[in-house]
Structure formats: C-alpha cells, structure tokens
C-alpha atoms as a PDB file:
ATOM      1  CA  MET A   1      50.880 -14.326  52.125  1.00  0.00           C
ATOM      2  CA  ASN A   2      53.818 -15.205  49.552  1.00  0.00           C
ATOM      3  CA  ARG A   3      50.701 -16.570  47.693  1.00  0.00           C
ATOM      4  CA  PHE A   4      48.801 -13.716  47.716  1.00  0.00           C
ATOM      5  CA  LEU A   5      51.522 -11.573  46.460  1.00  0.00           C
ATOM      6  CA  LEU A   6      52.317 -13.836  43.606  1.00  0.00           C
ATOM      7  CA  ALA A   7      48.463 -13.986  42.597  1.00  0.00           C
ATOM      8  CA  MET A   8      48.492 -10.331  42.577  1.00  0.00           C
ATOM      9  CA  VAL A   9      51.835  -9.921  40.504  1.00  0.00           C
ATOM     10  CA  VAL A  10      49.922 -12.399  38.025  1.00  0.00           C
ATOM     11  CA  PHE A  11      46.646 -10.652  38.011  1.00  0.00           C
ATOM     12  CA  VAL A  12      48.372  -7.292  37.610  1.00  0.00           C
ATOM     13  CA  GLY A  13      50.803  -8.454  34.509  1.00  0.00           C
ATOM     14  CA  THR A  14      47.932  -9.985  32.939  1.00  0.00           C
ATOM     15  CA  THR A  15      45.779  -6.987  33.162  1.00  0.00           C
ATOM     16  CA  VAL A  16      48.696  -4.955  31.858  1.00  0.00           C
ATOM     17  CA  LEU A  17      49.445  -7.282  29.037  1.00  0.00           C
ATOM     18  CA  ASN A  18      45.741  -7.369  27.966  1.00  0.00           C
ATOM     19  CA  ALA A  19      45.163  -3.671  28.410  1.00  0.00           C
ATOM     20  CA  ALA A  20      48.563  -3.265  26.039  1.00  0.00           C
ATOM     21  CA  SER A  21      47.407  -6.017  23.432  1.00  0.00           C
ATOM     22  CA  ALA A  22      43.764  -4.254  23.069  1.00  0.00           C
ATOM     23  CA  GLU A  23      45.803  -1.036  22.706  1.00  0.00           C
ATOM     24  CA  ASP A  24      48.245  -2.570  20.092  1.00  0.00           C
ATOM     25  CA  ALA A  25      45.031  -3.740  18.296  1.00  0.00           C
ATOM     26  CA  MET A  26      43.102  -0.367  18.237  1.00  0.00           C
ATOM     27  CA  MET A  27      46.202   1.207  16.732  1.00  0.00           C
ATOM     28  CA  GLN A  28      46.551  -1.447  14.010  1.00  0.00           C
ATOM     29  CA  MET A  29      42.450  -0.871  13.419  1.00  0.00           C
ATOM     30  CA  GLY A  30      43.253   2.765  13.138  1.00  0.00           C
ATOM     31  CA  ASN A  31      46.289   2.320  10.921  1.00  0.00           C
ATOM     32  CA  HIS A  32      44.011  -0.306   8.789  1.00  0.00           C
ATOM     33  CA  ARG A  33      41.510   2.428   8.290  1.00  0.00           C
ATOM     34  CA  HIS A  34      43.986   5.119   7.454  1.00  0.00           C
ATOM     35  CA  ASP A  35      45.470   2.314   4.806  1.00  0.00           C
ATOM     36  CA  MET A  36      42.078   1.550   3.141  1.00  0.00           C
ATOM     37  CA  SER A  37      41.471   5.347   2.832  1.00  0.00           C
ATOM     38  CA  VAL A  38      44.740   5.883   1.373  1.00  0.00           C
ATOM     39  CA  LEU A  39      43.982   2.677  -0.893  1.00  0.00           C
ATOM     40  CA  ASP A  40      40.339   4.024  -1.782  1.00  0.00           C
ATOM     41  CA  THR A  41      40.326   4.619  -5.442  1.00  0.00           C
ATOM     42  CA  ARG A  42      36.749   5.931  -5.815  1.00  0.00           C
ATOM     43  CA  THR A  43      35.835   9.290  -7.144  1.00  0.00           C
ATOM     44  CA  SER A  44      35.560  11.697  -4.105  1.00  0.00           C
ATOM     45  CA  LEU A  45      32.490  14.115  -4.648  1.00  0.00           C
ATOM     46  CA  GLY A  46      34.309  16.515  -2.095  1.00  0.00           C
ATOM     47  CA  VAL A  47      31.118  16.465   0.172  1.00  0.00           C
ATOM     48  CA  THR A  48      31.856  17.942   3.657  1.00  0.00           C
ATOM     49  CA  GLY A  49      30.041  19.400   6.827  1.00  0.00           C
ATOM     50  CA  PRO A  50      26.275  19.742   6.872  1.00  0.00           C
ATOM     51  CA  MET A  51      25.868  18.584   3.288  1.00  0.00           C
ATOM     52  CA  GLN A  52      27.670  15.563   4.090  1.00  0.00           C
ATOM     53  CA  GLN A  53      25.485  14.877   6.916  1.00  0.00           C
ATOM     54  CA  HIS A  54      22.335  15.477   4.677  1.00  0.00           C
ATOM     55  CA  GLN A  55      23.843  13.267   2.061  1.00  0.00           C
ATOM     56  CA  LEU A  56      24.417  10.519   4.291  1.00  0.00           C
ATOM     57  CA  SER A  57      20.850  10.667   5.891  1.00  0.00           C
ATOM     58  CA  ASN A  58      19.501  10.551   2.149  1.00  0.00           C
ATOM     59  CA  MET A  59      21.167   7.206   1.715  1.00  0.00           C
ATOM     60  CA  ARG A  60      20.190   5.914   4.692  1.00  0.00           C
ATOM     61  CA  GLU A  61      16.454   6.972   3.974  1.00  0.00           C
ATOM     62  CA  HIS A  62      16.860   4.923   0.506  1.00  0.00           C
ATOM     63  CA  VAL A  63      18.275   1.652   2.462  1.00  0.00           C
ATOM     64  CA  GLU A  64      15.189   1.839   4.966  1.00  0.00           C
ATOM     65  CA  ALA A  65      13.074   2.374   1.915  1.00  0.00           C
ATOM     66  CA  ILE A  66      14.415  -1.005   0.377  1.00  0.00           C
ATOM     67  CA  LYS A  67      13.802  -2.507   3.836  1.00  0.00           C
ATOM     68  CA  SER A  68      10.286  -1.526   3.948  1.00  0.00           C
ATOM     69  CA  ILE A  69       9.819  -2.533   0.394  1.00  0.00           C
ATOM     70  CA  VAL A  70      11.245  -6.086   0.880  1.00  0.00           C
ATOM     71  CA  GLY A  71       9.004  -6.462   4.113  1.00  0.00           C
ATOM     72  CA  LEU A  72       5.686  -5.368   2.303  1.00  0.00           C
ATOM     73  CA  LEU A  73       6.691  -7.913  -0.525  1.00  0.00           C
ATOM     74  CA  ALA A  74       7.060 -10.554   1.983  1.00  0.00           C
ATOM     75  CA  GLU A  75       3.266  -9.713   2.959  1.00  0.00           C
ATOM     76  CA  GLN A  76       2.334  -9.069  -0.645  1.00  0.00           C
ATOM     77  CA  LYS A  77       1.468  -5.577  -0.064  1.00  0.00           C
ATOM     78  CA  PHE A  78       2.295  -4.359  -3.683  1.00  0.00           C
ATOM     79  CA  GLU A  79       0.146  -1.003  -3.328  1.00  0.00           C
ATOM     80  CA  GLU A  80       1.851  -0.021  -0.214  1.00  0.00           C
ATOM     81  CA  ALA A  81       5.332  -1.440  -1.615  1.00  0.00           C
ATOM     82  CA  SER A  82       4.635   0.820  -4.616  1.00  0.00           C
ATOM     83  CA  LYS A  83       3.722   4.051  -2.573  1.00  0.00           C
ATOM     84  CA  VAL A  84       6.904   3.729  -0.863  1.00  0.00           C
ATOM     85  CA  ALA A  85       9.193   3.055  -4.057  1.00  0.00           C
ATOM     86  CA  HIS A  86       7.601   6.269  -5.702  1.00  0.00           C
ATOM     87  CA  ALA A  87       7.749   8.541  -2.714  1.00  0.00           C
ATOM     88  CA  ARG A  88      10.964   7.543  -1.060  1.00  0.00           C
ATOM     89  CA  LEU A  89      13.277   6.048  -4.088  1.00  0.00           C
ATOM     90  CA  GLY A  90      11.564   7.953  -7.164  1.00  0.00           C
ATOM     91  CA  LEU A  91      12.672  10.943  -9.114  1.00  0.00           C
ATOM     92  CA  THR A  92      10.944  13.570  -7.030  1.00  0.00           C
ATOM     93  CA  PRO A  93      12.162  17.343  -7.877  1.00  0.00           C
ATOM     94  CA  ASP A  94      14.128  17.290  -4.670  1.00  0.00           C
ATOM     95  CA  MET A  95      16.051  14.291  -5.628  1.00  0.00           C
ATOM     96  CA  GLN A  96      16.289  15.362  -9.180  1.00  0.00           C
ATOM     97  CA  ALA A  97      17.893  18.913  -7.723  1.00  0.00           C
ATOM     98  CA  MET A  98      20.064  16.770  -5.228  1.00  0.00           C
ATOM     99  CA  CYS A  99      21.899  14.590  -7.526  1.00  0.00           C
ATOM    100  CA  GLY A 100      22.928  17.711  -9.598  1.00  0.00           C
ATOM    101  CA  MET A 101      24.228  19.682  -6.414  1.00  0.00           C
ATOM    102  CA  PHE A 102      27.636  17.821  -6.581  1.00  0.00           C
ATOM    103  CA  GLY A 103      29.189  18.967  -9.645  1.00  0.00           C
ATOM    104  CA  ASN A 104      29.807  15.418 -10.993  1.00  0.00           C
ATOM    105  CA  ASP A 105      28.100  14.372 -14.166  1.00  0.00           C
ATOM    106  CA  ASP A 106      28.885  10.712 -13.744  1.00  0.00           C
ATOM    107  CA  PHE A 107      27.637  10.775 -10.390  1.00  0.00           C
ATOM    108  CA  ASN A 108      24.520  13.068 -11.597  1.00  0.00           C
ATOM    109  CA  LYS A 109      23.338  10.592 -14.603  1.00  0.00           C
ATOM    110  CA  LEU A 110      23.777   7.553 -12.112  1.00  0.00           C
ATOM    111  CA  GLY A 111      21.791   9.339  -9.296  1.00  0.00           C
ATOM    112  CA  LEU A 112      19.162  10.267 -11.838  1.00  0.00           C
ATOM    113  CA  ALA A 113      19.300   6.649 -13.165  1.00  0.00           C
ATOM    114  CA  PHE A 114      18.916   5.092  -9.528  1.00  0.00           C
ATOM    115  CA  HIS A 115      15.691   7.361  -8.763  1.00  0.00           C
ATOM    116  CA  ARG A 116      14.188   6.474 -12.148  1.00  0.00           C
ATOM    117  CA  SER A 117      14.673   2.856 -11.392  1.00  0.00           C
ATOM    118  CA  GLY A 118      12.764   3.559  -7.952  1.00  0.00           C
ATOM    119  CA  ASP A 119       9.739   4.923 -10.098  1.00  0.00           C
ATOM    120  CA  ASP A 120      10.344   1.565 -12.269  1.00  0.00           C
ATOM    121  CA  LEU A 121      10.056  -0.494  -9.172  1.00  0.00           C
ATOM    122  CA  GLY A 122       7.051   1.279  -8.212  1.00  0.00           C
ATOM    123  CA  ASP A 123       5.246   0.397 -11.424  1.00  0.00           C
ATOM    124  CA  ALA A 124       6.439  -2.857 -11.324  1.00  0.00           C
ATOM    125  CA  LEU A 125       4.923  -3.249  -8.146  1.00  0.00           C
ATOM    126  CA  GLN A 126       1.433  -2.259  -9.207  1.00  0.00           C
ATOM    127  CA  THR A 127       1.340  -5.098 -11.366  1.00  0.00           C
ATOM    128  CA  LYS A 128       1.430  -7.503  -8.362  1.00  0.00           C
ATOM    129  CA  ASP A 129       3.839  -9.883 -10.190  1.00  0.00           C
ATOM    130  CA  MET A 130       6.290 -11.005  -7.910  1.00  0.00           C
ATOM    131  CA  ASN A 131       9.048 -11.886 -10.371  1.00  0.00           C
ATOM    132  CA  ALA A 132       8.732  -8.461 -12.107  1.00  0.00           C
ATOM    133  CA  SER A 133       8.856  -6.710  -8.968  1.00  0.00           C
ATOM    134  CA  LEU A 134      12.011  -8.437  -7.601  1.00  0.00           C
ATOM    135  CA  ARG A 135      13.585  -8.007 -11.123  1.00  0.00           C
ATOM    136  CA  ALA A 136      12.913  -4.336 -10.849  1.00  0.00           C
ATOM    137  CA  LEU A 137      14.286  -4.288  -6.973  1.00  0.00           C
ATOM    138  CA  ASN A 138      17.273  -5.752  -8.033  1.00  0.00           C
ATOM    139  CA  LYS A 139      17.943  -3.342 -10.711  1.00  0.00           C
ATOM    140  CA  THR A 140      17.213  -0.461  -8.227  1.00  0.00           C
ATOM    141  CA  MET A 141      19.868  -2.145  -5.873  1.00  0.00           C
ATOM    142  CA  GLN A 142      22.214  -2.349  -8.513  1.00  0.00           C
ATOM    143  CA  TYR A 143      22.543   1.103  -8.931  1.00  0.00           C
ATOM    144  CA  CYS A 144      23.029   1.185  -4.840  1.00  0.00           C
ATOM    145  CA  VAL A 145      25.781  -0.823  -5.601  1.00  0.00           C
ATOM    146  CA  GLU A 146      27.513   0.699  -8.598  1.00  0.00           C
ATOM    147  CA  CYS A 147      27.482   4.511  -7.026  1.00  0.00           C
ATOM    148  CA  HIS A 148      29.120   3.172  -3.739  1.00  0.00           C
ATOM    149  CA  ALA A 149      31.818   1.313  -5.706  1.00  0.00           C
ATOM    150  CA  ARG A 150      32.354   4.316  -8.018  1.00  0.00           C
ATOM    151  CA  PHE A 151      31.883   7.275  -5.291  1.00  0.00           C
ATOM    152  CA  ARG A 152      32.844   8.311  -2.007  1.00  0.00           C
ATOM    153  CA  GLN A 153      32.036  11.363  -0.143  1.00  0.00           C
END
C-alpha cells in the first residue's frame, strides 16, 4: 500500500510540475509575441476587420501562385506557368485598385512593381528559357520579401 501511495504521489507531482512548466512556457511565448509586436518597426497599413482578412487572402493566393509556377517549371510547362503568372500575379485592374486602397504611396508603388514583375515573369516564362524564367521569378519574390520587411497590417 505504501508503494502504491508513493507511486501516486510521484505521478501527481510530476503531472502538476509538467502542467506548470507548460503553462509557464505558454506565458513566455505570449510575452515573446507581445515583445515582438512592440519591436516591430515595420510601417503599419492600419488594416483591420474584413479588409485585413481580404488582404491576407490575396497574399496567400500570391504564395500559392508562386508554388504553382515552381511546380510547373519543374515539369517544364512554361505556357501554363505563364498563364498563372499573368492571371494571379500580374497587374490586373483589381490588383491595381487594391494596391491604392491603403493610403500609403510607398506601399502602392511597391505593390504595383510587384504586380508588374508578375507580368514580366509571365513574359519570361513564354520564352521557355529556364534561366530567364528563374531570374524573373527571383525578382518577383524579392518584391514579396521587401514588402513584408517594410509593411505590416
């Protein structure tokens, strides 16, 4: 009976310590996230609510388009990749209007440059030149990196 009781005490004690440790870790992560947002020096676009979700959806669509293009390039399906670049990354009237909705000239210029590079990527893909296509894809992705480094919602 004493062994059983001792085993139960050890089990309960270990469980409580693990739970406390996990809670402490979660609190530290929460504080870390808070500290990171305080240290985030990127320019806020002040986007909230439904517009925020719409913008996030657009950015996820851009990432999905890039993934599709890379996959099509791996299969040397240049024409299909070109269509994806023009339709999903290019400077469509909708994307042109979207870039101008945030009231930030620098964001607008960068967004327009990104979408123009999407059209340039589509044009490069039509040449079926892998090196030219990869250079154009790199330029398009550089705009993604630059934008995310400079701006936040």
